[in-house]
Each structure stands twice: as C-alpha cells, then as structure tokens.
Amino acid sequence: MNTNLFDLFEAAATETELNTFQDTIRKGGFTSFRLFIDGFRERLKRCEDNDMANMRRLVTLAKKLFPQPQLFSPAWAQIWDEYELIVTYKQTVLETVPADQRDGEWQIILDNPYTNSDLICYPGLSFLEGAYMFAYFRTDLKNNEYIRLQKIQHVIMAFGSERAESAGKEQ
C-alpha cells in the first residue's frame, strides 16, 4: 500500500469520501489502522501554529469514524485521548515561544528527582521536534516527574577519542 492513509483521511471532504475511507481502514484491519495512526502521528510532529485548529478537528473526526480503536488493537484504546493531549500541549508550547525565538538547537529533559532512575535527555532538536516531544512525553508524566523543553544557547562538546589523540601528541 503506497498511499498515505492519513493523507486520504485529511483530504476527504464529503461524507461519502469519509465513509469510503472508514471502509478501507476496516477492511485493512490492524495494518491499515496502524498506517493511518502512524501517518497521523507524523502530521502531529510537523504541524505548526496555523495547523492546530485543523489538527484538533481531525482528531475529533477520527474519533467519530473509529470510536473504538481498541478493536484494531488493545494498545490503541486511548489513542484519540493521547492525540488530543498532544495537540493541546503542543499548542501551549507554540503559544509560549514566539516564532522569532524558535531557531537554534533545543533539547528535552525528563527526570524524577525522587527516584534513582536515570535522567533522560534528547539534545540536538529543532524547535518543532522539541515541541512535539514535549507534548508527547507530557501526556504521560508520572508523579514527581518533570519535563523541560529548553533552548541551547552555548554548546561545548568533546569526544572521548579527542583525549586519546591529544594525549598521544603530547608525548
């Protein structure tokens, strides 16, 4: 199947087109639904300020067409709630950071200071990647966990191999 199922969904303008899309997914079962929600997730990653109202509408429409996604897989029982939260949290990030301050490198940090679990860091992100990841991880924060999206202003990097090379040159 070479056609992006989410693109077909997004392009469906009439009730007939939506019904045809719904039938296509139902007939395709697990695989078709998986491709559809994967395409949906990719679109959520790319959406920007002016796309948010449309994304909210598309989640509502998908929820109407497939009110029981767990019929395709129990793992997807809450997929529409997750996508609604991603839209909400991503919109909050987009509204918080002005467009003229989004360039450069961003990173996500996840931590729970009251456990001995590892701090998780995702560096080297574009703003839109960081906004999506913030929204994605924000949907499932546990008690005492926190998430940070932050812009990197200065970076000093070194690699372990540099130390070995420079030590060899000094001798």
C-alpha atoms as a PDB file:
ATOM      1  CA  MET A   1       0.000   0.000   0.000  1.00  0.00           C
ATOM      2  CA  ASN A   2       1.855   3.088  -1.233  1.00  0.00           C
ATOM      3  CA  THR A   3      -0.844   5.615  -0.419  1.00  0.00           C
ATOM      4  CA  ASN A   4      -0.522   7.523   2.845  1.00  0.00           C
ATOM      5  CA  LEU A   5      -3.778   6.712   4.595  1.00  0.00           C
ATOM      6  CA  PHE A   6      -3.643   9.822   6.744  1.00  0.00           C
ATOM      7  CA  ASP A   7      -3.378  11.971   3.598  1.00  0.00           C
ATOM      8  CA  LEU A   8      -6.536  10.275   2.266  1.00  0.00           C
ATOM      9  CA  PHE A   9      -8.284  10.958   5.573  1.00  0.00           C
ATOM     10  CA  GLU A  10      -7.210  14.599   5.643  1.00  0.00           C
ATOM     11  CA  ALA A  11      -8.278  15.117   2.010  1.00  0.00           C
ATOM     12  CA  ALA A  12     -11.727  13.540   2.476  1.00  0.00           C
ATOM     13  CA  ALA A  13     -14.167  16.411   2.093  1.00  0.00           C
ATOM     14  CA  THR A  14     -17.549  14.735   1.812  1.00  0.00           C
ATOM     15  CA  GLU A  15     -19.480  12.245   3.885  1.00  0.00           C
ATOM     16  CA  THR A  16     -19.136   9.733   1.045  1.00  0.00           C
ATOM     17  CA  GLU A  17     -15.335  10.116   0.978  1.00  0.00           C
ATOM     18  CA  LEU A  18     -15.175   9.706   4.755  1.00  0.00           C
ATOM     19  CA  ASN A  19     -17.352   6.582   4.612  1.00  0.00           C
ATOM     20  CA  THR A  20     -15.132   5.148   1.866  1.00  0.00           C
ATOM     21  CA  PHE A  21     -12.061   5.883   3.973  1.00  0.00           C
ATOM     22  CA  GLN A  22     -13.655   4.272   7.021  1.00  0.00           C
ATOM     23  CA  ASP A  23     -14.475   1.142   4.993  1.00  0.00           C
ATOM     24  CA  THR A  24     -10.913   0.997   3.637  1.00  0.00           C
ATOM     25  CA  ILE A  25      -9.461   1.048   7.140  1.00  0.00           C
ATOM     26  CA  ARG A  26     -11.925  -1.500   8.483  1.00  0.00           C
ATOM     27  CA  LYS A  27     -11.254  -3.877   5.596  1.00  0.00           C
ATOM     28  CA  GLY A  28      -7.498  -3.443   6.008  1.00  0.00           C
ATOM     29  CA  GLY A  29      -7.725  -4.195   9.725  1.00  0.00           C
ATOM     30  CA  PHE A  30      -4.759  -3.832  12.028  1.00  0.00           C
ATOM     31  CA  THR A  31      -2.229  -2.932   9.326  1.00  0.00           C
ATOM     32  CA  SER A  32      -4.365  -0.219   7.747  1.00  0.00           C
ATOM     33  CA  PHE A  33      -5.258   1.328  11.076  1.00  0.00           C
ATOM     34  CA  ARG A  34      -1.597   1.230  12.113  1.00  0.00           C
ATOM     35  CA  LEU A  35      -0.555   3.018   8.920  1.00  0.00           C
ATOM     36  CA  PHE A  36      -3.322   5.556   9.474  1.00  0.00           C
ATOM     37  CA  ILE A  37      -2.331   6.408  13.040  1.00  0.00           C
ATOM     38  CA  ASP A  38       1.369   6.422  12.122  1.00  0.00           C
ATOM     39  CA  GLY A  39       0.590   8.980   9.406  1.00  0.00           C
ATOM     40  CA  PHE A  40      -1.458  10.929  11.929  1.00  0.00           C
ATOM     41  CA  ARG A  41       1.492  10.973  14.353  1.00  0.00           C
ATOM     42  CA  GLU A  42       3.840  12.201  11.604  1.00  0.00           C
ATOM     43  CA  ARG A  43       1.417  15.028  10.862  1.00  0.00           C
ATOM     44  CA  LEU A  44       1.272  15.900  14.580  1.00  0.00           C
ATOM     45  CA  LYS A  45       5.062  16.161  14.568  1.00  0.00           C
ATOM     46  CA  ARG A  46       5.086  18.590  11.624  1.00  0.00           C
ATOM     47  CA  CYS A  47       2.088  20.787  12.458  1.00  0.00           C
ATOM     48  CA  GLU A  48       2.736  24.418  13.240  1.00  0.00           C
ATOM     49  CA  ASP A  49       0.802  27.322  14.772  1.00  0.00           C
ATOM     50  CA  ASN A  50      -1.692  27.743  11.943  1.00  0.00           C
ATOM     51  CA  ASP A  51      -2.406  23.960  11.817  1.00  0.00           C
ATOM     52  CA  MET A  52      -3.544  23.431  15.395  1.00  0.00           C
ATOM     53  CA  ALA A  53      -7.280  24.083  14.959  1.00  0.00           C
ATOM     54  CA  ASN A  54      -7.334  21.736  11.976  1.00  0.00           C
ATOM     55  CA  MET A  55      -5.450  19.065  13.929  1.00  0.00           C
ATOM     56  CA  ARG A  56      -7.981  19.313  16.740  1.00  0.00           C
ATOM     57  CA  ARG A  57     -10.783  18.926  14.171  1.00  0.00           C
ATOM     58  CA  LEU A  58      -9.065  15.905  12.613  1.00  0.00           C
ATOM     59  CA  VAL A  59      -8.689  14.153  15.972  1.00  0.00           C
ATOM     60  CA  THR A  60     -12.391  14.738  16.664  1.00  0.00           C
ATOM     61  CA  LEU A  61     -13.285  13.386  13.226  1.00  0.00           C
ATOM     62  CA  ALA A  62     -11.057  10.315  13.611  1.00  0.00           C
ATOM     63  CA  LYS A  63     -12.663   9.658  16.990  1.00  0.00           C
ATOM     64  CA  LYS A  64     -16.083   9.794  15.323  1.00  0.00           C
ATOM     65  CA  LEU A  65     -15.053   7.430  12.500  1.00  0.00           C
ATOM     66  CA  PHE A  66     -13.255   4.983  14.798  1.00  0.00           C
ATOM     67  CA  PRO A  67     -14.792   5.339  18.276  1.00  0.00           C
ATOM     68  CA  GLN A  68     -13.330   2.006  19.420  1.00  0.00           C
ATOM     69  CA  PRO A  69      -9.741   1.876  18.195  1.00  0.00           C
ATOM     70  CA  GLN A  70      -9.103  -0.972  20.635  1.00  0.00           C
ATOM     71  CA  LEU A  71     -10.960  -3.218  18.187  1.00  0.00           C
ATOM     72  CA  PHE A  72      -7.873  -2.969  15.966  1.00  0.00           C
ATOM     73  CA  SER A  73      -5.521  -3.467  18.923  1.00  0.00           C
ATOM     74  CA  PRO A  74      -5.996  -3.125  22.694  1.00  0.00           C
ATOM     75  CA  ALA A  75      -2.861  -0.968  22.720  1.00  0.00           C
ATOM     76  CA  TRP A  76      -4.776   1.784  20.910  1.00  0.00           C
ATOM     77  CA  ALA A  77      -7.695   2.067  23.345  1.00  0.00           C
ATOM     78  CA  GLN A  78      -6.604   5.593  24.350  1.00  0.00           C
ATOM     79  CA  ILE A  79      -5.048   6.775  21.069  1.00  0.00           C
ATOM     80  CA  TRP A  80      -7.543   9.592  20.486  1.00  0.00           C
ATOM     81  CA  ASP A  81      -7.146  10.879  24.045  1.00  0.00           C
ATOM     82  CA  GLU A  82      -3.374  10.799  23.575  1.00  0.00           C
ATOM     83  CA  TYR A  83      -3.605  12.697  20.282  1.00  0.00           C
ATOM     84  CA  GLU A  84      -5.963  15.285  21.814  1.00  0.00           C
ATOM     85  CA  LEU A  85      -3.465  15.880  24.604  1.00  0.00           C
ATOM     86  CA  ILE A  86      -0.576  16.118  22.152  1.00  0.00           C
ATOM     87  CA  VAL A  87      -2.460  18.803  20.224  1.00  0.00           C
ATOM     88  CA  THR A  88      -3.248  20.668  23.445  1.00  0.00           C
ATOM     89  CA  TYR A  89       0.285  20.538  24.850  1.00  0.00           C
ATOM     90  CA  LYS A  90       1.942  21.313  21.539  1.00  0.00           C
ATOM     91  CA  GLN A  91      -0.348  24.313  21.082  1.00  0.00           C
ATOM     92  CA  THR A  92       0.681  25.515  24.556  1.00  0.00           C
ATOM     93  CA  VAL A  93       4.355  25.297  23.558  1.00  0.00           C
ATOM     94  CA  LEU A  94       3.703  27.106  20.270  1.00  0.00           C
ATOM     95  CA  GLU A  95       1.805  29.855  22.088  1.00  0.00           C
ATOM     96  CA  THR A  96       4.534  30.188  24.728  1.00  0.00           C
ATOM     97  CA  VAL A  97       7.593  30.533  22.477  1.00  0.00           C
ATOM     98  CA  PRO A  98       7.373  33.389  19.959  1.00  0.00           C
ATOM     99  CA  ALA A  99       8.097  32.423  16.350  1.00  0.00           C
ATOM    100  CA  ASP A 100      11.136  34.714  16.193  1.00  0.00           C
ATOM    101  CA  GLN A 101      12.782  32.837  19.100  1.00  0.00           C
ATOM    102  CA  ARG A 102      12.473  29.280  17.754  1.00  0.00           C
ATOM    103  CA  ASP A 103      15.681  28.951  15.771  1.00  0.00           C
ATOM    104  CA  GLY A 104      18.681  27.032  17.040  1.00  0.00           C
ATOM    105  CA  GLU A 105      19.091  23.827  18.999  1.00  0.00           C
ATOM    106  CA  TRP A 106      16.551  22.615  21.551  1.00  0.00           C
ATOM    107  CA  GLN A 107      16.505  19.747  23.995  1.00  0.00           C
ATOM    108  CA  ILE A 108      14.062  17.785  26.123  1.00  0.00           C
ATOM    109  CA  ILE A 109      14.917  16.693  29.656  1.00  0.00           C
ATOM    110  CA  LEU A 110      12.829  14.207  31.643  1.00  0.00           C
ATOM    111  CA  ASP A 111      13.554  13.478  35.277  1.00  0.00           C
ATOM    112  CA  ASN A 112      12.068  12.413  38.581  1.00  0.00           C
ATOM    113  CA  PRO A 113      14.327  13.780  41.318  1.00  0.00           C
ATOM    114  CA  TYR A 114      12.730  11.500  43.917  1.00  0.00           C
ATOM    115  CA  THR A 115      13.824   8.265  42.273  1.00  0.00           C
ATOM    116  CA  ASN A 116      17.159   6.838  41.294  1.00  0.00           C
ATOM    117  CA  SER A 117      16.062   6.396  37.686  1.00  0.00           C
ATOM    118  CA  ASP A 118      18.183   7.972  35.001  1.00  0.00           C
ATOM    119  CA  LEU A 119      17.708  11.483  33.752  1.00  0.00           C
ATOM    120  CA  ILE A 120      16.677  11.348  30.099  1.00  0.00           C
ATOM    121  CA  CYS A 121      17.899  13.950  27.626  1.00  0.00           C
ATOM    122  CA  TYR A 122      17.119  14.394  23.938  1.00  0.00           C
ATOM    123  CA  PRO A 123      19.553  17.026  22.575  1.00  0.00           C
ATOM    124  CA  GLY A 124      20.027  18.437  19.102  1.00  0.00           C
ATOM    125  CA  LEU A 125      16.352  19.015  18.280  1.00  0.00           C
ATOM    126  CA  SER A 126      14.725  21.616  16.089  1.00  0.00           C
ATOM    127  CA  PHE A 127      12.017  23.641  17.803  1.00  0.00           C
ATOM    128  CA  LEU A 128       9.193  21.680  16.143  1.00  0.00           C
ATOM    129  CA  GLU A 129      10.804  18.354  17.096  1.00  0.00           C
ATOM    130  CA  GLY A 130      11.168  19.570  20.665  1.00  0.00           C
ATOM    131  CA  ALA A 131       7.597  20.890  20.787  1.00  0.00           C
ATOM    132  CA  TYR A 132       6.240  17.546  19.603  1.00  0.00           C
ATOM    133  CA  MET A 133       8.394  15.534  22.015  1.00  0.00           C
ATOM    134  CA  PHE A 134       7.395  17.805  24.902  1.00  0.00           C
ATOM    135  CA  ALA A 135       3.719  17.261  24.056  1.00  0.00           C
ATOM    136  CA  TYR A 136       4.201  13.519  23.554  1.00  0.00           C
ATOM    137  CA  PHE A 137       6.002  12.914  26.852  1.00  0.00           C
ATOM    138  CA  ARG A 138       3.817  15.415  28.727  1.00  0.00           C
ATOM    139  CA  THR A 139       0.770  13.205  28.105  1.00  0.00           C
ATOM    140  CA  ASP A 140       2.137  10.510  30.420  1.00  0.00           C
ATOM    141  CA  LEU A 141       4.136  12.203  33.176  1.00  0.00           C
ATOM    142  CA  LYS A 142       4.195  10.201  36.402  1.00  0.00           C
ATOM    143  CA  ASN A 143       4.008  11.586  39.928  1.00  0.00           C
ATOM    144  CA  ASN A 144       7.022  13.844  40.657  1.00  0.00           C
ATOM    145  CA  GLU A 145       8.364  13.607  37.084  1.00  0.00           C
ATOM    146  CA  TYR A 146       9.055  16.767  35.204  1.00  0.00           C
ATOM    147  CA  ILE A 147       9.772  17.607  31.612  1.00  0.00           C
ATOM    148  CA  ARG A 148      11.725  20.567  30.267  1.00  0.00           C
ATOM    149  CA  LEU A 149      11.956  21.945  26.774  1.00  0.00           C
ATOM    150  CA  GLN A 150      14.871  24.307  26.607  1.00  0.00           C
ATOM    151  CA  LYS A 151      16.825  26.170  24.003  1.00  0.00           C
ATOM    152  CA  ILE A 152      20.562  25.609  23.954  1.00  0.00           C
ATOM    153  CA  GLN A 153      22.435  28.891  23.902  1.00  0.00           C
ATOM    154  CA  HIS A 154      26.016  27.638  24.034  1.00  0.00           C
ATOM    155  CA  VAL A 155      27.438  24.198  23.430  1.00  0.00           C
ATOM    156  CA  ILE A 156      30.868  22.908  24.330  1.00  0.00           C
ATOM    157  CA  MET A 157      31.390  19.375  23.127  1.00  0.00           C
ATOM    158  CA  ALA A 158      34.198  16.896  23.366  1.00  0.00           C
ATOM    159  CA  PHE A 159      34.563  13.282  22.324  1.00  0.00           C
ATOM    160  CA  GLY A 160      36.479  10.583  24.151  1.00  0.00           C
ATOM    161  CA  SER A 161      38.609   9.913  21.084  1.00  0.00           C
ATOM    162  CA  GLU A 162      39.928  13.507  21.178  1.00  0.00           C
ATOM    163  CA  ARG A 163      41.500  12.941  24.566  1.00  0.00           C
ATOM    164  CA  ALA A 164      43.335   9.847  23.377  1.00  0.00           C
ATOM    165  CA  GLU A 165      44.572  11.612  20.245  1.00  0.00           C
ATOM    166  CA  SER A 166      45.767  14.724  22.052  1.00  0.00           C
ATOM    167  CA  ALA A 167      47.454  12.641  24.773  1.00  0.00           C
ATOM    168  CA  GLY A 168      49.392  10.801  22.099  1.00  0.00           C
ATOM    169  CA  LYS A 169      50.547  14.072  20.506  1.00  0.00           C
ATOM    170  CA  GLU A 170      51.868  15.479  23.788  1.00  0.00           C
ATOM    171  CA  GLN A 171      54.353  12.635  24.302  1.00  0.00           C
END
